[in-house]
Amino acid sequence: MADSSKRAAKLAKEITAFARRHGGSAEGQVAYIGQAGARISLVGADGTWGDLVAPTVETAREAAETAGITVHESFDTELAEKVRTGPYEWSRMAGIQLGGQSGDHAPA
């Protein structure tokens, strides 16, 4: 029990630091990812997104609560609309899905 509280406290510090770097606040969503634990998806006030992995859903929720962020039940439209993608995301994800890794299909 003490280990999970320590892990939650460390994750909360990372969430708080993310929020501070990206507009002063963040929102998130916790999702179970199997044996790996739970993913905390984060979206900063400036639209930057990132994620952290916790050993359990309970630890992830405790970390988010300690950090004081708004936690959505799902990665819903409201949260997704706040995400801002840049050239990296287009070249690595959208570009691959559209048929190439070069990023040639990224919007200008």
N, C-alpha and C. Protein backbone atom coordinates (compact mmCIF):
# COMPACT_ATOMS: atom_id res chain seq x y z
N MET A 1 0.82 -1.20 0.00
CA MET A 1 0.00 0.00 0.00
C MET A 1 0.87 1.26 0.00
N ALA A 2 1.92 1.24 0.80
CA ALA A 2 2.80 2.41 0.87
C ALA A 2 3.49 2.65 -0.46
N ASP A 3 3.87 1.55 -1.15
CA ASP A 3 4.52 1.70 -2.45
C ASP A 3 3.60 2.35 -3.47
N SER A 4 2.30 1.98 -3.46
CA SER A 4 1.38 2.58 -4.44
C SER A 4 1.16 4.05 -4.13
N SER A 5 1.13 4.42 -2.86
CA SER A 5 0.99 5.84 -2.50
C SER A 5 2.21 6.64 -2.91
N LYS A 6 3.39 6.04 -2.76
CA LYS A 6 4.62 6.72 -3.19
C LYS A 6 4.63 6.89 -4.70
N ARG A 7 4.21 5.84 -5.40
CA ARG A 7 4.17 5.92 -6.87
C ARG A 7 3.15 6.97 -7.32
N ALA A 8 2.00 7.00 -6.66
CA ALA A 8 0.97 8.00 -7.00
C ALA A 8 1.50 9.41 -6.76
N ALA A 9 2.22 9.61 -5.66
CA ALA A 9 2.78 10.93 -5.35
C ALA A 9 3.80 11.35 -6.42
N LYS A 10 4.63 10.40 -6.86
CA LYS A 10 5.62 10.71 -7.90
C LYS A 10 4.91 11.05 -9.21
N LEU A 11 3.91 10.27 -9.58
CA LEU A 11 3.15 10.55 -10.79
C LEU A 11 2.44 11.91 -10.70
N ALA A 12 1.90 12.23 -9.53
CA ALA A 12 1.23 13.52 -9.33
C ALA A 12 2.20 14.67 -9.58
N LYS A 13 3.44 14.53 -9.14
CA LYS A 13 4.45 15.56 -9.38
C LYS A 13 4.73 15.71 -10.87
N GLU A 14 4.76 14.57 -11.58
CA GLU A 14 5.00 14.61 -13.02
C GLU A 14 3.81 15.26 -13.74
N ILE A 15 2.60 14.96 -13.30
CA ILE A 15 1.41 15.58 -13.89
C ILE A 15 1.43 17.08 -13.65
N THR A 16 1.75 17.48 -12.44
CA THR A 16 1.80 18.90 -12.09
C THR A 16 2.86 19.62 -12.92
N ALA A 17 4.01 18.99 -13.10
CA ALA A 17 5.08 19.59 -13.91
C ALA A 17 4.64 19.72 -15.37
N PHE A 18 3.96 18.71 -15.89
CA PHE A 18 3.43 18.76 -17.25
C PHE A 18 2.48 19.94 -17.39
N ALA A 19 1.55 20.06 -16.45
CA ALA A 19 0.57 21.16 -16.49
C ALA A 19 1.27 22.51 -16.45
N ARG A 20 2.26 22.64 -15.59
CA ARG A 20 2.99 23.90 -15.46
C ARG A 20 3.69 24.28 -16.77
N ARG A 21 4.28 23.27 -17.43
CA ARG A 21 4.99 23.52 -18.69
C ARG A 21 4.06 23.83 -19.85
N HIS A 22 2.81 23.41 -19.73
CA HIS A 22 1.91 23.50 -20.88
C HIS A 22 0.65 24.31 -20.60
N GLY A 23 0.87 25.52 -20.14
CA GLY A 23 -0.22 26.46 -19.99
C GLY A 23 -0.77 26.60 -18.59
N GLY A 24 -0.22 25.89 -17.63
CA GLY A 24 -0.62 26.06 -16.24
C GLY A 24 -1.68 25.11 -15.73
N SER A 25 -2.30 24.35 -16.63
CA SER A 25 -3.29 23.36 -16.18
C SER A 25 -3.32 22.20 -17.17
N ALA A 26 -3.99 21.14 -16.77
CA ALA A 26 -4.12 19.98 -17.64
C ALA A 26 -5.41 19.25 -17.31
N GLU A 27 -5.86 18.46 -18.26
CA GLU A 27 -6.98 17.56 -18.06
C GLU A 27 -6.48 16.18 -18.47
N GLY A 28 -7.19 15.16 -18.06
CA GLY A 28 -6.73 13.84 -18.41
C GLY A 28 -7.82 12.79 -18.44
N GLN A 29 -7.38 11.57 -18.74
CA GLN A 29 -8.25 10.42 -18.79
C GLN A 29 -7.43 9.22 -18.38
N VAL A 30 -7.99 8.35 -17.57
CA VAL A 30 -7.31 7.14 -17.10
C VAL A 30 -7.92 5.95 -17.82
N ALA A 31 -7.06 5.10 -18.39
CA ALA A 31 -7.54 3.92 -19.10
C ALA A 31 -6.72 2.70 -18.69
N TYR A 32 -7.39 1.62 -18.42
CA TYR A 32 -6.76 0.34 -18.11
C TYR A 32 -6.08 -0.18 -19.38
N ILE A 33 -4.81 -0.59 -19.28
CA ILE A 33 -4.09 -1.09 -20.44
C ILE A 33 -3.56 -2.51 -20.23
N GLY A 34 -4.24 -3.27 -19.41
CA GLY A 34 -3.84 -4.65 -19.20
C GLY A 34 -2.79 -4.80 -18.11
N GLN A 35 -1.95 -5.81 -18.27
CA GLN A 35 -0.95 -6.09 -17.25
C GLN A 35 0.00 -4.92 -17.00
N ALA A 36 0.15 -4.07 -17.98
CA ALA A 36 1.04 -2.90 -17.83
C ALA A 36 0.47 -1.89 -16.84
N GLY A 37 -0.83 -1.95 -16.56
CA GLY A 37 -1.42 -1.04 -15.59
C GLY A 37 -2.46 -0.12 -16.20
N ALA A 38 -2.21 1.17 -16.07
CA ALA A 38 -3.17 2.17 -16.56
C ALA A 38 -2.41 3.34 -17.17
N ARG A 39 -2.97 3.87 -18.24
CA ARG A 39 -2.38 5.03 -18.90
C ARG A 39 -3.15 6.28 -18.45
N ILE A 40 -2.39 7.29 -18.09
CA ILE A 40 -2.96 8.61 -17.79
C ILE A 40 -2.66 9.47 -19.01
N SER A 41 -3.66 9.71 -19.84
CA SER A 41 -3.49 10.59 -21.00
C SER A 41 -3.72 12.01 -20.52
N LEU A 42 -2.81 12.91 -20.90
CA LEU A 42 -2.87 14.30 -20.44
C LEU A 42 -2.97 15.26 -21.61
N VAL A 43 -3.74 16.32 -21.43
CA VAL A 43 -3.81 17.40 -22.40
C VAL A 43 -3.62 18.70 -21.63
N GLY A 44 -2.55 19.42 -21.97
CA GLY A 44 -2.26 20.69 -21.31
C GLY A 44 -3.16 21.80 -21.84
N ALA A 45 -3.20 22.90 -21.12
CA ALA A 45 -4.02 24.05 -21.52
C ALA A 45 -3.62 24.57 -22.89
N ASP A 46 -2.35 24.36 -23.29
CA ASP A 46 -1.89 24.82 -24.60
C ASP A 46 -2.13 23.80 -25.71
N GLY A 47 -2.77 22.66 -25.38
CA GLY A 47 -3.08 21.64 -26.37
C GLY A 47 -2.04 20.55 -26.50
N THR A 48 -0.90 20.70 -25.84
CA THR A 48 0.12 19.66 -25.86
C THR A 48 -0.40 18.43 -25.14
N TRP A 49 -0.09 17.27 -25.66
CA TRP A 49 -0.57 16.05 -25.02
C TRP A 49 0.60 15.13 -24.71
N GLY A 50 0.36 14.27 -23.75
CA GLY A 50 1.36 13.30 -23.34
C GLY A 50 0.68 12.25 -22.50
N ASP A 51 1.47 11.29 -22.04
CA ASP A 51 0.88 10.28 -21.18
C ASP A 51 1.90 9.72 -20.21
N LEU A 52 1.38 9.11 -19.18
CA LEU A 52 2.17 8.44 -18.15
C LEU A 52 1.53 7.08 -17.91
N VAL A 53 2.32 6.13 -17.41
CA VAL A 53 1.77 4.82 -17.10
C VAL A 53 1.91 4.58 -15.60
N ALA A 54 0.82 4.15 -15.00
CA ALA A 54 0.79 3.80 -13.57
C ALA A 54 0.61 2.29 -13.46
N PRO A 55 1.05 1.71 -12.35
CA PRO A 55 0.92 0.25 -12.21
C PRO A 55 -0.52 -0.25 -12.09
N THR A 56 -1.43 0.61 -11.62
CA THR A 56 -2.83 0.22 -11.48
C THR A 56 -3.73 1.42 -11.78
N VAL A 57 -4.99 1.13 -12.07
CA VAL A 57 -5.97 2.20 -12.29
C VAL A 57 -6.11 3.03 -11.02
N GLU A 58 -6.12 2.36 -9.87
CA GLU A 58 -6.28 3.08 -8.60
C GLU A 58 -5.13 4.06 -8.37
N THR A 59 -3.92 3.63 -8.67
CA THR A 59 -2.75 4.51 -8.51
C THR A 59 -2.85 5.70 -9.47
N ALA A 60 -3.28 5.44 -10.70
CA ALA A 60 -3.44 6.50 -11.69
C ALA A 60 -4.47 7.52 -11.23
N ARG A 61 -5.60 7.04 -10.74
CA ARG A 61 -6.66 7.95 -10.27
C ARG A 61 -6.20 8.75 -9.05
N GLU A 62 -5.47 8.09 -8.15
CA GLU A 62 -4.95 8.80 -6.97
C GLU A 62 -3.97 9.90 -7.40
N ALA A 63 -3.12 9.60 -8.38
CA ALA A 63 -2.15 10.59 -8.87
C ALA A 63 -2.87 11.79 -9.50
N ALA A 64 -3.87 11.52 -10.31
CA ALA A 64 -4.61 12.60 -10.96
C ALA A 64 -5.34 13.45 -9.94
N GLU A 65 -5.93 12.81 -8.95
CA GLU A 65 -6.64 13.55 -7.90
C GLU A 65 -5.66 14.40 -7.09
N THR A 66 -4.52 13.84 -6.74
CA THR A 66 -3.51 14.58 -5.99
C THR A 66 -3.01 15.78 -6.78
N ALA A 67 -2.85 15.60 -8.10
CA ALA A 67 -2.39 16.70 -8.96
C ALA A 67 -3.48 17.74 -9.18
N GLY A 68 -4.72 17.39 -8.90
CA GLY A 68 -5.81 18.34 -9.03
C GLY A 68 -6.29 18.58 -10.46
N ILE A 69 -6.08 17.61 -11.34
CA ILE A 69 -6.54 17.81 -12.71
C ILE A 69 -7.96 17.28 -12.88
N THR A 70 -8.64 17.78 -13.88
CA THR A 70 -9.96 17.27 -14.25
C THR A 70 -9.74 15.95 -14.97
N VAL A 71 -10.45 14.92 -14.54
CA VAL A 71 -10.33 13.60 -15.16
C VAL A 71 -11.64 13.27 -15.87
N HIS A 72 -11.54 13.01 -17.16
CA HIS A 72 -12.70 12.63 -17.98
C HIS A 72 -12.88 11.12 -17.90
N GLU A 73 -14.12 10.67 -18.01
CA GLU A 73 -14.40 9.23 -17.98
C GLU A 73 -13.89 8.54 -19.24
N SER A 74 -13.86 9.27 -20.36
CA SER A 74 -13.34 8.73 -21.61
C SER A 74 -12.60 9.85 -22.32
N PHE A 75 -11.86 9.47 -23.36
CA PHE A 75 -11.19 10.48 -24.16
C PHE A 75 -12.23 10.98 -25.14
N ASP A 76 -13.14 11.77 -24.61
CA ASP A 76 -14.33 12.21 -25.33
C ASP A 76 -14.02 13.37 -26.28
N THR A 77 -15.02 13.77 -27.02
CA THR A 77 -14.88 14.86 -27.98
C THR A 77 -14.39 16.14 -27.33
N GLU A 78 -14.92 16.45 -26.17
CA GLU A 78 -14.54 17.66 -25.45
C GLU A 78 -13.04 17.70 -25.19
N LEU A 79 -12.48 16.57 -24.75
CA LEU A 79 -11.05 16.50 -24.46
C LEU A 79 -10.24 16.45 -25.76
N ALA A 80 -10.68 15.65 -26.71
CA ALA A 80 -9.95 15.51 -27.97
C ALA A 80 -9.84 16.82 -28.73
N GLU A 81 -10.86 17.65 -28.66
CA GLU A 81 -10.83 18.93 -29.37
C GLU A 81 -9.78 19.89 -28.81
N LYS A 82 -9.30 19.63 -27.63
CA LYS A 82 -8.29 20.50 -27.01
C LYS A 82 -6.87 20.13 -27.44
N VAL A 83 -6.69 18.95 -28.04
CA VAL A 83 -5.37 18.48 -28.44
C VAL A 83 -4.91 19.22 -29.69
N ARG A 84 -3.69 19.69 -29.66
CA ARG A 84 -3.07 20.34 -30.81
C ARG A 84 -1.93 19.45 -31.28
N THR A 85 -1.95 19.11 -32.57
CA THR A 85 -0.88 18.29 -33.12
C THR A 85 0.04 19.16 -33.96
N GLY A 86 1.25 18.72 -34.09
CA GLY A 86 2.24 19.46 -34.86
C GLY A 86 2.83 18.59 -35.96
N PRO A 87 3.88 19.05 -36.57
CA PRO A 87 4.52 18.32 -37.67
C PRO A 87 4.97 16.92 -37.27
N TYR A 88 5.46 16.77 -36.05
CA TYR A 88 5.92 15.45 -35.61
C TYR A 88 4.79 14.44 -35.66
N GLU A 89 3.65 14.80 -35.09
CA GLU A 89 2.52 13.88 -35.06
C GLU A 89 2.04 13.54 -36.47
N TRP A 90 1.99 14.55 -37.34
CA TRP A 90 1.54 14.29 -38.70
C TRP A 90 2.51 13.38 -39.44
N SER A 91 3.79 13.58 -39.26
CA SER A 91 4.76 12.75 -39.99
C SER A 91 4.84 11.34 -39.43
N ARG A 92 4.69 11.19 -38.14
CA ARG A 92 4.82 9.87 -37.52
C ARG A 92 3.52 9.07 -37.50
N MET A 93 2.39 9.70 -37.37
CA MET A 93 1.14 8.97 -37.26
C MET A 93 0.28 9.12 -38.49
N ALA A 94 -0.17 10.29 -38.79
CA ALA A 94 -1.05 10.50 -39.94
C ALA A 94 -0.33 10.14 -41.23
N GLY A 95 0.93 10.51 -41.34
CA GLY A 95 1.68 10.18 -42.55
C GLY A 95 1.79 8.70 -42.78
N ILE A 96 2.02 7.93 -41.73
CA ILE A 96 2.10 6.48 -41.85
C ILE A 96 0.75 5.93 -42.28
N GLN A 97 -0.33 6.40 -41.68
CA GLN A 97 -1.66 5.90 -42.00
C GLN A 97 -2.04 6.24 -43.44
N LEU A 98 -1.52 7.33 -43.96
CA LEU A 98 -1.88 7.76 -45.32
C LEU A 98 -0.95 7.17 -46.37
N GLY A 99 -0.03 6.31 -45.96
CA GLY A 99 0.76 5.62 -46.97
C GLY A 99 2.24 5.94 -47.01
N GLY A 100 2.77 6.59 -46.03
CA GLY A 100 4.20 6.85 -46.06
C GLY A 100 4.71 7.44 -44.77
N GLN A 101 6.00 7.29 -44.54
CA GLN A 101 6.59 7.81 -43.33
C GLN A 101 7.20 9.19 -43.54
N SER A 102 7.23 9.68 -44.73
CA SER A 102 7.91 10.94 -45.01
C SER A 102 7.16 12.16 -44.54
N GLY A 103 5.87 11.99 -44.26
CA GLY A 103 5.10 13.15 -43.84
C GLY A 103 4.62 13.97 -45.01
N ASP A 104 4.80 13.45 -46.24
CA ASP A 104 4.40 14.17 -47.44
C ASP A 104 2.91 14.47 -47.48
N HIS A 105 2.13 13.72 -46.73
CA HIS A 105 0.68 13.90 -46.75
C HIS A 105 0.19 14.82 -45.64
N ALA A 106 1.09 15.40 -44.91
CA ALA A 106 0.69 16.29 -43.80
C ALA A 106 0.12 17.57 -44.38
N PRO A 107 -0.89 18.11 -43.73
CA PRO A 107 -1.44 19.38 -44.18
C PRO A 107 -0.44 20.52 -43.99
N ALA A 108 -0.52 21.50 -44.82
CA ALA A 108 0.41 22.63 -44.72
C ALA A 108 0.02 23.54 -43.59
